[in-house]
C-alpha atoms as a PDB file:
ATOM      1  CA  UNK A   1       0.000   0.000   0.000  1.00  0.00           C
ATOM      2  CA  UNK A   2       1.319   3.450  -0.890  1.00  0.00           C
ATOM      3  CA  UNK A   3       1.553   6.179   1.713  1.00  0.00           C
ATOM      4  CA  UNK A   4       2.540   9.723   0.733  1.00  0.00           C
ATOM      5  CA  UNK A   5       3.378   8.455  -2.752  1.00  0.00           C
ATOM      6  CA  UNK A   6       5.808   5.819  -1.445  1.00  0.00           C
ATOM      7  CA  UNK A   7       5.263   2.089  -1.888  1.00  0.00           C
ATOM      8  CA  UNK A   8       5.451   0.503   1.573  1.00  0.00           C
ATOM      9  CA  UNK A   9       7.057  -2.892   1.960  1.00  0.00           C
ATOM     10  CA  UNK A  10       8.376  -4.567   5.068  1.00  0.00           C
ATOM     11  CA  UNK A  11      12.159  -4.648   5.064  1.00  0.00           C
ATOM     12  CA  UNK A  12      14.264  -6.307   7.704  1.00  0.00           C
ATOM     13  CA  UNK A  13      16.317  -3.746   9.596  1.00  0.00           C
ATOM     14  CA  UNK A  14      19.368  -4.243  11.731  1.00  0.00           C
ATOM     15  CA  UNK A  15      21.108  -1.971  14.194  1.00  0.00           C
ATOM     16  CA  UNK A  16      24.686  -2.446  13.048  1.00  0.00           C
ATOM     17  CA  UNK A  17      26.392  -1.078  16.169  1.00  0.00           C
ATOM     18  CA  UNK A  18      24.941  -1.975  19.576  1.00  0.00           C
ATOM     19  CA  UNK A  19      24.821  -0.077  22.836  1.00  0.00           C
ATOM     20  CA  UNK A  20      28.254  -1.492  23.717  1.00  0.00           C
ATOM     21  CA  UNK A  21      29.597   0.378  20.651  1.00  0.00           C
ATOM     22  CA  UNK A  22      30.514  -2.911  18.917  1.00  0.00           C
ATOM     23  CA  UNK A  23      29.216  -4.504  15.745  1.00  0.00           C
ATOM     24  CA  UNK A  24      26.157  -6.610  16.482  1.00  0.00           C
ATOM     25  CA  UNK A  25      26.675 -10.378  16.462  1.00  0.00           C
ATOM     26  CA  UNK A  26      23.861 -10.722  13.871  1.00  0.00           C
ATOM     27  CA  UNK A  27      25.722  -8.641  11.297  1.00  0.00           C
ATOM     28  CA  UNK A  28      27.513 -11.500   9.521  1.00  0.00           C
ATOM     29  CA  UNK A  29      24.419 -13.688   9.232  1.00  0.00           C
ATOM     30  CA  UNK A  30      22.283 -10.750   8.072  1.00  0.00           C
ATOM     31  CA  UNK A  31      24.812  -9.843   5.364  1.00  0.00           C
ATOM     32  CA  UNK A  32      24.681 -13.442   4.164  1.00  0.00           C
ATOM     33  CA  UNK A  33      20.852 -13.666   4.355  1.00  0.00           C
ATOM     34  CA  UNK A  34      20.460 -10.431   2.391  1.00  0.00           C
ATOM     35  CA  UNK A  35      22.759 -11.697  -0.376  1.00  0.00           C
ATOM     36  CA  UNK A  36      25.339  -8.972   0.193  1.00  0.00           C
ATOM     37  CA  UNK A  37      28.334 -11.320   0.287  1.00  0.00           C
ATOM     38  CA  UNK A  38      28.019 -11.830  -3.473  1.00  0.00           C
ATOM     39  CA  UNK A  39      27.711  -8.064  -4.026  1.00  0.00           C
ATOM     40  CA  UNK A  40      31.175  -7.286  -2.679  1.00  0.00           C
ATOM     41  CA  UNK A  41      31.019  -3.532  -2.099  1.00  0.00           C
ATOM     42  CA  UNK A  42      28.267  -2.894  -4.660  1.00  0.00           C
ATOM     43  CA  UNK A  43      25.564  -1.813  -2.213  1.00  0.00           C
ATOM     44  CA  UNK A  44      24.652   1.308  -0.278  1.00  0.00           C
ATOM     45  CA  UNK A  45      24.572   1.864   3.447  1.00  0.00           C
ATOM     46  CA  UNK A  46      22.868   4.862   5.031  1.00  0.00           C
ATOM     47  CA  UNK A  47      23.369   6.281   8.501  1.00  0.00           C
ATOM     48  CA  UNK A  48      21.279   9.140   9.855  1.00  0.00           C
ATOM     49  CA  UNK A  49      21.969  10.899  13.101  1.00  0.00           C
ATOM     50  CA  UNK A  50      20.692  14.007  14.792  1.00  0.00           C
ATOM     51  CA  UNK A  51      18.930  15.414  17.817  1.00  0.00           C
ATOM     52  CA  UNK A  52      15.915  13.681  19.330  1.00  0.00           C
ATOM     53  CA  UNK A  53      12.643  14.415  17.509  1.00  0.00           C
ATOM     54  CA  UNK A  54      14.400  16.058  14.563  1.00  0.00           C
ATOM     55  CA  UNK A  55      12.673  13.902  11.917  1.00  0.00           C
ATOM     56  CA  UNK A  56      15.256  11.190  11.236  1.00  0.00           C
ATOM     57  CA  UNK A  57      12.731   8.330  11.077  1.00  0.00           C
ATOM     58  CA  UNK A  58      10.312  10.409   9.018  1.00  0.00           C
ATOM     59  CA  UNK A  59      13.084  11.205   6.541  1.00  0.00           C
ATOM     60  CA  UNK A  60      14.057   7.541   6.149  1.00  0.00           C
ATOM     61  CA  UNK A  61      10.415   6.473   5.789  1.00  0.00           C
ATOM     62  CA  UNK A  62       9.700   9.030   3.091  1.00  0.00           C
ATOM     63  CA  UNK A  63      12.903   8.611   1.094  1.00  0.00           C
ATOM     64  CA  UNK A  64      13.332   4.840   1.322  1.00  0.00           C
ATOM     65  CA  UNK A  65       9.806   3.586   2.065  1.00  0.00           C
ATOM     66  CA  UNK A  66      10.863   2.115   5.413  1.00  0.00           C
ATOM     67  CA  UNK A  67       8.492   1.707   8.340  1.00  0.00           C
ATOM     68  CA  UNK A  68      10.355   3.164  11.313  1.00  0.00           C
ATOM     69  CA  UNK A  69       7.941   4.182  14.057  1.00  0.00           C
ATOM     70  CA  UNK A  70       7.529   7.947  14.360  1.00  0.00           C
ATOM     71  CA  UNK A  71       6.465   9.920  17.410  1.00  0.00           C
ATOM     72  CA  UNK A  72       2.933  11.245  17.502  1.00  0.00           C
ATOM     73  CA  UNK A  73       1.957  14.415  19.330  1.00  0.00           C
ATOM     74  CA  UNK A  74      -0.105  12.611  21.988  1.00  0.00           C
ATOM     75  CA  UNK A  75       2.406   9.921  22.974  1.00  0.00           C
ATOM     76  CA  UNK A  76       5.644  12.008  22.937  1.00  0.00           C
ATOM     77  CA  UNK A  77       7.969   9.099  23.701  1.00  0.00           C
ATOM     78  CA  UNK A  78      11.250   7.900  22.229  1.00  0.00           C
ATOM     79  CA  UNK A  79      10.559   5.592  19.279  1.00  0.00           C
ATOM     80  CA  UNK A  80      14.023   4.603  18.052  1.00  0.00           C
ATOM     81  CA  UNK A  81      17.154   4.004  20.043  1.00  0.00           C
ATOM     82  CA  UNK A  82      20.642   5.050  19.108  1.00  0.00           C
ATOM     83  CA  UNK A  83      24.042   5.010  20.706  1.00  0.00           C
ATOM     84  CA  UNK A  84      24.738   6.758  24.011  1.00  0.00           C
END
């Protein structure tokens, strides 16, 4: 289903660096499952960072059709978690 002119599709996401500031243990298996081993370096990786509630998830959802949860005005709680 399209939302705001973007085709929505569920895509597996992975936090590459954990709270311990180390690569997640699932990284190798995810790279293999996604077929990236055969791609070598022929793929793109995007990182977005910024202040809380600055629109990072909204930007990713609109540009890439991802489904990151975004904060609504009533709930006003943290929706995504980054590094300390």
